[in-house]
Amino acid sequence: MPLPADTLNYDFDEEGVGFGAPKTPVAAHADGLSGAQKIALTMVGLGLLSLLAQVSGGALAGSWLGLVTSMGLLVVGAILAFWLQHRRSVAGIKHNGVFFSSLLARGSAAWVAGIGMTGLYVLLYWYPEYLGQPVSGGEPTGLIRVVDPLARLMTGYPASQWFLYGVLYTGAIFVFGVRMIMKYRHNRYQQIRTASVAFFQLVFAWFLPNLLVRFRQPYMEFNGVWPLKQDYLWPEKAAGQFLDAGAFGIFLLCFAVALVVATPVLTYFFGKRWYCSWVCGCGGLAETLGDPFRQLSSKSTRAWQIERWMIHSVLVVVLVVTASLWIDYRMTGNLYGSWSGPLRQWYGFFIGAVFSGVVGVGFYPLLGNRVWCRFGCPQAAILGLWQRFFSRFRITTNGGQCMSCGNCSTYCEMGIDVRAYAEKGENIVRSSCVGCGICAAVCPRGVLKLENGGTHADRYAGAATPITAFLDALEHKPKLVMPVAAAGSHDGDPAVKRK
């Protein structure tokens, strides 16, 4: 007579009985790919072949058919391939071979990918003629010519390197956004957040700005905020292009100013995640295309110290440049004279192009996916200071449940040693935290929770007096540790925590 299902059979000998054959046979292909996956990858291959043929001057170059059979096949095929790949797998983070992967662990494939991405940015910024940028009113050629039909439809002008850049940027967020949504399909927060950054990139950063170009209005990305988009409030654009465009230009200027004013308010209620992880195009690319490389961010104390100095130095530079340009404008050019133009170009070259573009994206496979956001973005610096001292946002921890697996720290793209906080049951209140929520998504025991509290005063000892806490942080004064039962405690990086 068989025993009830809830009764333990102490006489069972598994070595003697064995496990037997699997009850449900597992269907598998010799190469591990389903028929649908093979079709998707075939689409990607044909898209690449068509793209190469058109770049070489093929007959379809510059036509809608050429665009559909190249970029169209690439995007649709890649989206389908990612969807099918992750549909067949278990949802969530997987460590399968991550640190043995040449691409994901700074191996030869990572260097090839990094050099390739960096090279593309170098060509876009400084050598666009090699991509087919037209000169002296000519027609585009090469890779730029592939997107020319779409450019003429959207803007009324021939394609340029910047239109190509927008298409590639937006396409990458959508393709790898599908990968992100399927990978974290068990987590509603990640799905909505990814859909949000894809929407803001498509509509606010690509469609509407190109519509402005078509109607001969000043170019503006509606999800860009000063000082990330530093020129929005520089005299040349604010007092020049915007005001010269009449009533609609004044609306654009007011919109840019309103975003600056709204920033501290939104950050107070929601932390910097409202922008860095839900709206920003830089964050959107980092969270989608850069997601496979998030474990590469350095968690060392040295990297944290470099981060604080660099990001706040860039913030100071952009504040000084903005103020000095306005002073020079009010003095009708008597402060800098002919140097005002080179000053703007200097910032645009070193910070806007080299740091945020070439290094910020090209180095994903080598330094992680948030290099620019962590070390250079002045907007992230402002949001971070406000979040650290004046925001309700915090990540609460349940130290009693933490088993020190380290998933949270490994996959923190901002280099925060999350586990050190979780083990102590302390709130995580760091200026660098972008609220991506991956630490909570990969925690196997639900230790971490992203919260917008009722007040900012209960996050750490001294949070009730944020001005004093800010001044103390500048002077590196230690703080008393708040009891875990009352709230969390935070005093800078846990690796250098003072007793």
Protein backbone atom coordinates (compact mmCIF):
# COMPACT_ATOMS: atom_id res chain seq x y z
CA MET A 1 0.00 0.00 0.00
CA PRO A 2 1.56 3.33 -1.02
CA LEU A 3 2.24 5.84 1.70
CA PRO A 4 0.36 9.17 1.79
CA ALA A 5 2.08 11.98 -0.09
CA ASP A 6 2.82 13.91 3.11
CA THR A 7 4.43 10.92 4.86
CA LEU A 8 8.21 10.49 4.82
CA ASN A 9 9.32 6.98 3.84
CA TYR A 10 12.46 6.24 5.86
CA ASP A 11 12.93 2.88 4.10
CA PHE A 12 13.35 4.44 0.64
CA ASP A 13 16.80 3.71 -0.82
CA GLU A 14 17.43 6.10 -3.73
CA GLU A 15 20.78 4.44 -4.58
CA GLY A 16 19.08 1.13 -4.94
CA VAL A 17 15.99 2.35 -6.76
CA GLY A 18 17.66 5.01 -8.90
CA PHE A 19 16.00 7.98 -10.51
CA GLY A 20 14.84 6.33 -13.71
CA ALA A 21 14.21 8.06 -17.02
CA PRO A 22 12.66 11.53 -17.12
CA LYS A 23 8.88 11.39 -17.25
CA THR A 24 8.65 14.21 -19.80
CA PRO A 25 11.10 13.96 -22.70
CA VAL A 26 12.91 17.23 -23.39
CA ALA A 27 12.76 18.25 -27.04
CA ALA A 28 16.08 19.62 -28.22
CA HIS A 29 17.71 20.47 -31.49
CA ALA A 30 21.24 19.45 -32.25
CA ASP A 31 22.34 23.09 -32.17
CA GLY A 32 19.97 24.18 -29.40
CA LEU A 33 17.98 26.49 -31.70
CA SER A 34 14.30 26.24 -32.50
CA GLY A 35 12.98 26.74 -36.01
CA ALA A 36 11.67 30.20 -35.13
CA GLN A 37 15.05 31.21 -33.73
CA LYS A 38 16.74 30.12 -36.95
CA ILE A 39 14.31 32.28 -38.92
CA ALA A 40 15.02 35.26 -36.67
CA LEU A 41 18.78 34.86 -37.02
CA THR A 42 18.39 34.45 -40.78
CA MET A 43 16.61 37.82 -40.83
CA VAL A 44 19.53 39.37 -38.94
CA GLY A 45 22.03 37.85 -41.36
CA LEU A 46 20.11 39.02 -44.44
CA GLY A 47 19.76 42.48 -42.91
CA LEU A 48 23.52 42.72 -42.38
CA LEU A 49 24.17 41.49 -45.92
CA SER A 50 21.77 44.08 -47.36
CA LEU A 51 23.35 46.80 -45.24
CA LEU A 52 26.85 45.94 -46.43
CA ALA A 53 25.68 45.86 -50.05
CA GLN A 54 24.08 49.31 -49.73
CA VAL A 55 27.07 50.83 -47.96
CA SER A 56 29.13 49.64 -50.92
CA GLY A 57 26.82 51.48 -53.30
CA GLY A 58 24.29 48.75 -54.11
CA ALA A 59 21.20 49.37 -56.19
CA LEU A 60 18.87 49.56 -53.16
CA ALA A 61 20.90 52.26 -51.39
CA GLY A 62 18.82 55.30 -50.54
CA SER A 63 15.46 53.62 -51.17
CA TRP A 64 12.66 52.57 -48.85
CA LEU A 65 13.11 48.98 -49.95
CA GLY A 66 16.77 49.20 -49.04
CA LEU A 67 15.94 50.63 -45.61
CA VAL A 68 13.39 47.90 -44.91
CA THR A 69 15.64 45.06 -46.08
CA SER A 70 18.59 46.32 -44.01
CA MET A 71 17.69 48.24 -40.86
CA GLY A 72 14.18 46.81 -40.83
CA LEU A 73 15.28 43.18 -41.01
CA LEU A 74 18.03 43.80 -38.46
CA VAL A 75 15.70 45.35 -35.90
CA VAL A 76 12.80 42.93 -36.34
CA GLY A 77 15.07 39.90 -36.51
CA ALA A 78 17.05 40.89 -33.40
CA ILE A 79 13.87 41.63 -31.43
CA LEU A 80 12.40 38.28 -32.41
CA ALA A 81 15.65 36.45 -31.59
CA PHE A 82 15.85 37.97 -28.09
CA TRP A 83 12.17 37.32 -27.46
CA LEU A 84 12.45 33.67 -28.46
CA GLN A 85 15.73 33.15 -26.61
CA HIS A 86 14.46 34.40 -23.27
CA ARG A 87 10.99 32.92 -23.64
CA ARG A 88 12.58 29.47 -23.50
CA SER A 89 14.64 30.30 -20.40
CA VAL A 90 13.87 30.93 -16.75
CA ALA A 91 13.11 34.60 -16.01
CA GLY A 92 15.61 36.63 -14.01
CA ILE A 93 19.35 37.01 -13.64
CA LYS A 94 21.51 34.02 -14.49
CA HIS A 95 25.20 33.60 -13.75
CA ASN A 96 25.68 30.96 -16.43
CA GLY A 97 29.27 31.44 -17.54
CA VAL A 98 29.23 35.23 -17.03
CA PHE A 99 32.72 35.42 -15.59
CA PHE A 100 34.03 32.91 -18.11
CA SER A 101 32.59 34.75 -21.10
CA SER A 102 35.07 36.57 -23.28
CA LEU A 103 32.48 39.27 -24.02
CA LEU A 104 31.16 39.73 -20.50
CA ALA A 105 34.42 39.43 -18.55
CA ARG A 106 36.77 41.81 -20.42
CA GLY A 107 38.14 39.11 -22.71
CA SER A 108 39.18 39.45 -26.34
CA ALA A 109 35.56 39.69 -27.53
CA ALA A 110 34.95 42.55 -25.08
CA TRP A 111 37.96 44.45 -26.40
CA VAL A 112 36.78 43.95 -29.98
CA ALA A 113 33.28 45.15 -29.06
CA GLY A 114 34.64 48.10 -27.10
CA ILE A 115 36.97 49.17 -29.89
CA GLY A 116 34.18 48.80 -32.44
CA MET A 117 31.70 50.89 -30.43
CA THR A 118 34.36 53.49 -29.66
CA GLY A 119 35.36 53.63 -33.32
CA LEU A 120 31.75 54.21 -34.38
CA TYR A 121 31.51 57.18 -32.03
CA VAL A 122 34.80 58.59 -33.29
CA LEU A 123 33.52 58.38 -36.87
CA LEU A 124 30.18 59.96 -35.96
CA TYR A 125 31.72 62.88 -34.08
CA TRP A 126 34.87 63.68 -36.05
CA TYR A 127 35.03 61.74 -39.31
CA PRO A 128 31.42 61.57 -40.59
CA GLU A 129 32.61 61.68 -44.19
CA TYR A 130 33.66 58.05 -43.82
CA LEU A 131 30.04 57.23 -43.01
CA GLY A 132 28.81 59.11 -46.07
CA GLN A 133 28.15 62.59 -44.67
CA PRO A 134 27.42 64.91 -47.63
CA VAL A 135 29.69 67.88 -48.17
CA SER A 136 28.99 71.18 -49.97
CA GLY A 137 25.31 70.42 -50.44
CA GLY A 138 25.88 67.00 -51.99
CA GLU A 139 23.88 63.84 -51.47
CA PRO A 140 24.63 61.42 -48.63
CA THR A 141 26.43 58.19 -49.39
CA GLY A 142 27.50 55.06 -47.54
CA LEU A 143 25.79 54.18 -44.27
CA ILE A 144 24.10 57.58 -43.95
CA ARG A 145 22.40 57.10 -47.32
CA VAL A 146 20.63 54.00 -45.99
CA VAL A 147 18.48 56.14 -43.66
CA ASP A 148 18.04 58.98 -46.15
CA PRO A 149 14.41 58.15 -47.08
CA LEU A 150 13.39 58.26 -43.43
CA ALA A 151 15.30 61.51 -42.87
CA ARG A 152 13.57 63.23 -45.78
CA LEU A 153 10.17 62.07 -44.53
CA MET A 154 10.82 63.17 -40.93
CA THR A 155 12.81 66.38 -41.38
CA GLY A 156 12.51 67.39 -45.02
CA TYR A 157 16.31 67.36 -45.31
CA PRO A 158 18.84 64.77 -46.51
CA ALA A 159 20.18 62.44 -43.83
CA SER A 160 23.16 63.51 -41.74
CA GLN A 161 25.42 61.75 -39.27
CA TRP A 162 23.22 62.97 -36.42
CA PHE A 163 20.05 61.56 -37.95
CA LEU A 164 21.87 58.24 -38.44
CA TYR A 165 22.99 58.42 -34.82
CA GLY A 166 19.41 58.97 -33.66
CA VAL A 167 18.16 55.99 -35.65
CA LEU A 168 20.90 53.70 -34.33
CA TYR A 169 20.46 54.96 -30.76
CA THR A 170 16.68 54.56 -30.75
CA GLY A 171 16.87 51.20 -32.51
CA ALA A 172 19.37 49.88 -29.96
CA ILE A 173 17.13 50.88 -27.04
CA PHE A 174 14.15 49.11 -28.60
CA VAL A 175 16.02 45.94 -29.59
CA PHE A 176 17.79 45.50 -26.27
CA GLY A 177 14.74 46.81 -24.43
CA VAL A 178 12.87 43.71 -25.60
CA ARG A 179 15.75 41.63 -24.28
CA MET A 180 15.50 43.48 -20.94
CA ILE A 181 11.74 43.02 -20.68
CA MET A 182 11.95 39.31 -21.48
CA LYS A 183 14.90 38.73 -19.16
CA TYR A 184 13.15 40.40 -16.22
CA ARG A 185 9.61 39.39 -17.16
CA HIS A 186 9.10 38.21 -13.59
CA ASN A 187 9.55 41.79 -12.35
CA ARG A 188 6.83 44.33 -13.17
CA TYR A 189 9.00 47.28 -12.12
CA GLN A 190 11.68 46.40 -14.67
CA GLN A 191 9.15 45.92 -17.45
CA ILE A 192 7.43 49.28 -16.89
CA ARG A 193 10.75 51.09 -16.40
CA THR A 194 12.16 49.70 -19.65
CA ALA A 195 8.99 50.56 -21.55
CA SER A 196 9.23 54.09 -20.11
CA VAL A 197 12.77 54.81 -21.31
CA ALA A 198 11.94 53.36 -24.74
CA PHE A 199 8.87 55.61 -25.00
CA PHE A 200 10.73 58.77 -23.96
CA GLN A 201 13.56 57.99 -26.37
CA LEU A 202 11.24 57.34 -29.31
CA VAL A 203 8.83 60.23 -28.78
CA PHE A 204 10.62 62.91 -26.73
CA ALA A 205 14.20 62.42 -27.91
CA TRP A 206 13.73 61.34 -31.55
CA PHE A 207 10.30 61.94 -33.09
CA LEU A 208 9.47 65.39 -31.67
CA PRO A 209 12.97 66.88 -32.18
CA ASN A 210 12.96 65.78 -35.83
CA LEU A 211 9.47 67.23 -36.18
CA LEU A 212 10.88 70.55 -34.96
CA VAL A 213 13.50 70.40 -37.69
CA ARG A 214 10.83 69.80 -40.32
CA PHE A 215 8.93 72.92 -39.21
CA ARG A 216 12.16 74.96 -39.05
CA GLN A 217 12.09 75.34 -35.27
CA PRO A 218 15.08 75.17 -32.86
CA TYR A 219 16.20 71.60 -32.23
CA MET A 220 15.42 70.34 -28.74
CA GLU A 221 15.18 66.92 -27.12
CA PHE A 222 12.25 67.14 -24.74
CA ASN A 223 13.66 64.60 -22.28
CA GLY A 224 16.94 66.55 -21.96
CA VAL A 225 17.50 68.73 -18.91
CA TRP A 226 20.17 71.35 -18.24
CA PRO A 227 23.00 70.81 -17.31
CA LEU A 228 23.03 67.43 -19.10
CA LYS A 229 21.93 69.33 -22.20
CA GLN A 230 24.14 72.25 -21.24
CA ASP A 231 23.50 74.44 -24.29
CA TYR A 232 19.73 74.66 -23.62
CA LEU A 233 20.38 77.47 -21.14
CA TRP A 234 23.47 78.95 -22.77
CA PRO A 235 23.02 82.42 -24.30
CA GLU A 236 23.50 81.26 -27.88
CA LYS A 237 20.43 79.03 -27.67
CA ALA A 238 18.36 80.49 -24.84
CA ALA A 239 18.68 84.16 -25.83
CA GLY A 240 19.35 83.43 -29.49
CA GLN A 241 17.68 80.49 -31.19
CA PHE A 242 14.71 80.19 -28.82
CA LEU A 243 13.82 83.89 -28.72
CA ASP A 244 14.41 84.31 -32.44
CA ALA A 245 11.82 81.58 -33.11
CA GLY A 246 8.95 83.71 -31.79
CA ALA A 247 6.15 82.44 -29.57
CA PHE A 248 6.95 78.76 -30.05
CA GLY A 249 10.61 79.39 -29.29
CA ILE A 250 9.58 81.09 -26.03
CA PHE A 251 7.49 77.99 -25.24
CA LEU A 252 10.58 75.79 -25.77
CA LEU A 253 12.64 78.04 -23.50
CA CYS A 254 9.94 77.97 -20.81
CA PHE A 255 9.78 74.17 -21.13
CA ALA A 256 13.55 73.92 -20.62
CA VAL A 257 13.39 76.19 -17.57
CA ALA A 258 10.35 74.33 -16.18
CA LEU A 259 12.28 71.03 -16.30
CA VAL A 260 15.10 72.60 -14.27
CA VAL A 261 12.60 73.92 -11.70
CA ALA A 262 10.72 70.60 -11.53
CA THR A 263 13.89 68.56 -11.02
CA PRO A 264 14.31 69.09 -7.24
CA VAL A 265 10.57 68.64 -6.65
CA LEU A 266 10.38 65.31 -8.48
CA THR A 267 13.65 64.17 -6.90
CA TYR A 268 12.33 64.95 -3.43
CA PHE A 269 9.37 62.63 -3.93
CA PHE A 270 10.89 59.89 -6.12
CA GLY A 271 14.68 60.16 -5.93
CA LYS A 272 16.83 60.50 -9.04
CA ARG A 273 15.31 57.36 -10.51
CA TRP A 274 12.43 59.40 -11.99
CA TYR A 275 14.94 60.76 -14.51
CA CYS A 276 18.02 58.52 -14.60
CA SER A 277 16.10 55.25 -14.90
CA TRP A 278 12.76 56.27 -16.39
CA VAL A 279 13.31 59.25 -18.74
CA CYS A 280 16.97 59.90 -19.64
CA GLY A 281 18.23 58.69 -23.01
CA CYS A 282 21.73 58.05 -21.64
CA GLY A 283 20.24 55.90 -18.89
CA GLY A 284 17.95 54.22 -21.41
CA LEU A 285 20.86 53.03 -23.53
CA ALA A 286 22.81 51.98 -20.44
CA GLU A 287 19.90 49.94 -19.09
CA THR A 288 19.19 48.15 -22.37
CA LEU A 289 22.27 47.84 -24.57
CA GLY A 290 24.53 48.02 -21.52
CA ASP A 291 22.65 45.58 -19.28
CA PRO A 292 24.90 42.56 -20.04
CA PHE A 293 27.92 44.54 -18.75
CA ARG A 294 26.53 45.89 -15.46
CA GLN A 295 28.61 43.44 -13.38
CA LEU A 296 31.82 45.09 -14.65
CA SER A 297 31.38 48.27 -12.59
CA SER A 298 34.12 48.60 -9.99
CA LYS A 299 32.98 48.36 -6.36
CA SER A 300 36.33 49.42 -4.88
CA THR A 301 36.69 52.31 -2.46
CA ARG A 302 39.19 53.87 -4.85
CA ALA A 303 36.64 53.88 -7.69
CA TRP A 304 34.07 55.45 -5.35
CA GLN A 305 36.52 58.22 -4.44
CA ILE A 306 37.35 58.89 -8.11
CA GLU A 307 33.63 58.94 -8.90
CA ARG A 308 32.89 61.65 -6.32
CA TRP A 309 35.73 63.89 -7.46
CA MET A 310 35.09 63.50 -11.18
CA ILE A 311 31.32 63.89 -11.31
CA HIS A 312 31.27 66.91 -9.03
CA SER A 313 34.19 68.47 -10.90
CA VAL A 314 32.22 68.22 -14.16
CA LEU A 315 29.24 69.82 -12.39
CA VAL A 316 31.40 72.71 -11.20
CA VAL A 317 32.83 73.16 -14.71
CA VAL A 318 29.42 73.34 -16.39
CA LEU A 319 28.13 75.76 -13.75
CA VAL A 320 31.16 78.01 -14.19
CA VAL A 321 31.00 77.87 -18.00
CA THR A 322 27.25 78.62 -18.01
CA ALA A 323 27.59 81.55 -15.59
CA SER A 324 30.62 83.00 -17.38
CA LEU A 325 28.95 82.76 -20.80
CA TRP A 326 25.96 84.69 -19.50
CA ILE A 327 28.24 87.32 -17.94
CA ASP A 328 30.05 87.61 -21.25
CA TYR A 329 26.69 87.91 -23.05
CA ARG A 330 25.53 90.69 -20.71
CA MET A 331 28.85 92.47 -21.24
CA THR A 332 28.32 92.17 -25.02
CA GLY A 333 31.39 89.98 -25.43
CA ASN A 334 33.81 92.13 -23.42
CA LEU A 335 34.62 89.35 -20.95
CA TYR A 336 35.84 86.68 -23.37
CA GLY A 337 35.64 88.40 -26.70
CA SER A 338 36.49 85.88 -29.40
CA TRP A 339 37.12 83.20 -26.74
CA SER A 340 33.43 82.63 -25.93
CA GLY A 341 33.02 80.32 -28.95
CA PRO A 342 36.08 78.18 -28.19
CA LEU A 343 34.94 77.92 -24.54
CA ARG A 344 31.66 76.35 -25.62
CA GLN A 345 33.47 74.13 -28.08
CA TRP A 346 35.96 73.01 -25.44
CA TYR A 347 33.19 71.81 -23.14
CA GLY A 348 31.31 70.20 -26.01
CA PHE A 349 34.43 68.37 -27.22
CA PHE A 350 35.88 67.05 -23.95
CA ILE A 351 32.70 66.53 -21.91
CA GLY A 352 29.89 66.25 -24.44
CA ALA A 353 31.72 64.16 -27.04
CA VAL A 354 34.77 62.40 -25.57
CA PHE A 355 33.43 61.66 -22.09
CA SER A 356 29.69 61.13 -22.56
CA GLY A 357 29.91 59.59 -26.04
CA VAL A 358 33.18 57.86 -26.81
CA VAL A 359 34.04 56.74 -23.28
CA GLY A 360 30.52 56.69 -21.85
CA VAL A 361 29.17 54.21 -24.42
CA GLY A 362 32.20 52.76 -26.15
CA PHE A 363 33.63 51.47 -22.88
CA TYR A 364 30.51 49.49 -21.86
CA PRO A 365 32.27 46.12 -22.41
CA LEU A 366 35.30 47.22 -20.38
CA LEU A 367 34.14 49.45 -17.52
CA GLY A 368 30.43 48.68 -17.20
CA ASN A 369 27.30 50.33 -18.53
CA ARG A 370 27.12 53.50 -16.43
CA VAL A 371 30.57 55.04 -16.93
CA TRP A 372 29.21 58.46 -17.95
CA CYS A 373 26.30 58.41 -15.49
CA ARG A 374 28.56 57.45 -12.61
CA PHE A 375 31.68 59.50 -13.28
CA GLY A 376 30.71 62.44 -15.48
CA CYS A 377 27.05 63.41 -15.84
CA PRO A 378 26.45 66.83 -14.22
CA GLN A 379 22.70 66.19 -14.16
CA ALA A 380 23.27 62.98 -12.20
CA ALA A 381 25.50 64.94 -9.80
CA ILE A 382 22.75 67.48 -9.05
CA LEU A 383 20.08 64.80 -8.71
CA GLY A 384 22.41 62.73 -6.53
CA LEU A 385 23.10 65.54 -4.07
CA TRP A 386 19.40 66.24 -3.78
CA GLN A 387 18.57 62.55 -3.39
CA ARG A 388 21.23 62.02 -0.74
CA PHE A 389 20.10 64.83 1.55
CA PHE A 390 16.58 65.99 0.57
CA SER A 391 14.70 63.03 -0.92
CA ARG A 392 12.16 60.56 0.44
CA PHE A 393 13.63 57.77 -1.67
CA ARG A 394 15.57 54.96 -0.04
CA ILE A 395 16.20 51.25 -0.49
CA THR A 396 15.24 49.49 2.73
CA THR A 397 16.90 46.25 3.76
CA ASN A 398 15.96 43.28 5.91
CA GLY A 399 19.30 42.21 7.33
CA GLY A 400 17.84 39.17 9.08
CA GLN A 401 16.98 37.61 5.73
CA CYS A 402 20.28 38.41 3.93
CA MET A 403 22.38 35.33 3.20
CA SER A 404 25.34 37.31 1.78
CA CYS A 405 25.11 35.79 -1.70
CA GLY A 406 26.41 39.06 -3.21
CA ASN A 407 24.05 39.16 -6.21
CA CYS A 408 23.02 42.71 -5.36
CA SER A 409 26.56 44.07 -5.25
CA THR A 410 27.67 42.13 -8.32
CA TYR A 411 24.96 43.56 -10.53
CA CYS A 412 24.89 47.11 -9.15
CA GLU A 413 25.82 49.21 -12.18
CA MET A 414 26.77 52.19 -10.00
CA GLY A 415 29.44 50.30 -8.07
CA ILE A 416 27.63 50.32 -4.71
CA ASP A 417 28.45 47.49 -2.33
CA VAL A 418 24.78 46.82 -1.63
CA ARG A 419 25.50 43.66 0.33
CA ALA A 420 27.41 45.62 2.99
CA TYR A 421 24.26 47.60 3.73
CA ALA A 422 21.95 44.58 3.56
CA GLU A 423 24.04 42.57 6.03
CA LYS A 424 23.70 45.40 8.57
CA GLY A 425 20.03 46.05 7.83
CA GLU A 426 20.80 49.67 6.91
CA ASN A 427 18.91 51.85 4.45
CA ILE A 428 20.75 52.44 1.19
CA VAL A 429 20.85 56.20 0.66
CA ARG A 430 23.59 56.90 -1.83
CA SER A 431 23.81 59.87 -4.16
CA SER A 432 24.98 57.63 -7.01
CA CYS A 433 22.05 55.18 -6.80
CA VAL A 434 19.83 55.55 -9.88
CA GLY A 435 17.03 53.40 -8.48
CA CYS A 436 17.21 50.86 -11.31
CA GLY A 437 15.98 48.19 -8.89
CA ILE A 438 18.16 45.41 -10.27
CA CYS A 439 19.58 44.73 -6.80
CA ALA A 440 16.06 43.95 -5.58
CA ALA A 441 15.25 41.98 -8.74
CA VAL A 442 18.24 39.63 -8.35
CA CYS A 443 17.92 39.15 -4.58
CA PRO A 444 16.76 35.56 -3.97
CA ARG A 445 15.20 36.35 -0.58
CA GLY A 446 13.45 39.69 -1.04
CA VAL A 447 15.83 41.55 1.26
CA LEU A 448 15.77 44.82 -0.67
CA LYS A 449 12.83 47.12 -1.36
CA LEU A 450 12.71 50.44 -3.23
CA GLU A 451 10.56 52.90 -1.29
CA ASN A 452 9.41 56.51 -1.36
CA GLY A 453 8.86 57.17 2.34
CA GLY A 454 6.54 59.68 3.91
CA THR A 455 9.43 61.95 4.84
CA HIS A 456 13.13 62.37 4.17
CA ALA A 457 13.98 62.57 7.87
CA ASP A 458 13.95 58.86 8.80
CA ARG A 459 16.48 57.49 6.30
CA TYR A 460 19.68 57.75 8.36
CA ALA A 461 20.97 59.40 11.52
CA GLY A 462 20.98 63.15 10.94
CA ALA A 463 18.61 63.08 7.95
CA ALA A 464 16.17 65.40 9.76
CA THR A 465 18.70 68.24 9.35
CA PRO A 466 19.86 67.83 5.74
CA ILE A 467 21.86 71.08 5.58
CA THR A 468 23.89 70.04 8.63
CA ALA A 469 24.28 66.54 7.20
CA PHE A 470 25.53 68.01 3.93
CA LEU A 471 28.08 70.23 5.66
CA ASP A 472 29.19 67.34 7.84
CA ALA A 473 29.65 65.18 4.75
CA LEU A 474 31.88 67.86 3.22
CA GLU A 475 33.97 67.86 6.40
CA HIS A 476 33.93 64.03 6.64
CA LYS A 477 32.47 64.11 10.14
CA PRO A 478 31.26 60.74 11.47
CA LYS A 479 27.61 60.28 12.40
CA LEU A 480 25.95 58.21 15.07
CA VAL A 481 24.47 54.97 13.79
CA MET A 482 20.69 54.90 13.96
CA PRO A 483 19.34 51.65 15.47
CA VAL A 484 18.27 49.21 12.81
CA ALA A 485 14.82 48.81 14.37
CA ALA A 486 14.13 52.54 13.99
CA ALA A 487 15.46 53.08 10.49
CA GLY A 488 18.58 52.59 8.46
CA SER A 489 21.97 54.21 8.73
CA HIS A 490 24.30 55.46 6.09
CA ASP A 491 27.62 57.19 6.32
CA GLY A 492 29.22 57.21 2.93
CA ASP A 493 30.72 54.08 1.47
CA PRO A 494 30.38 51.07 3.79
CA ALA A 495 33.95 50.04 2.97
CA VAL A 496 35.27 53.17 4.71
CA LYS A 497 32.54 53.48 7.36
CA ARG A 498 33.70 55.24 10.52
CA LYS A 499 32.86 53.87 13.94
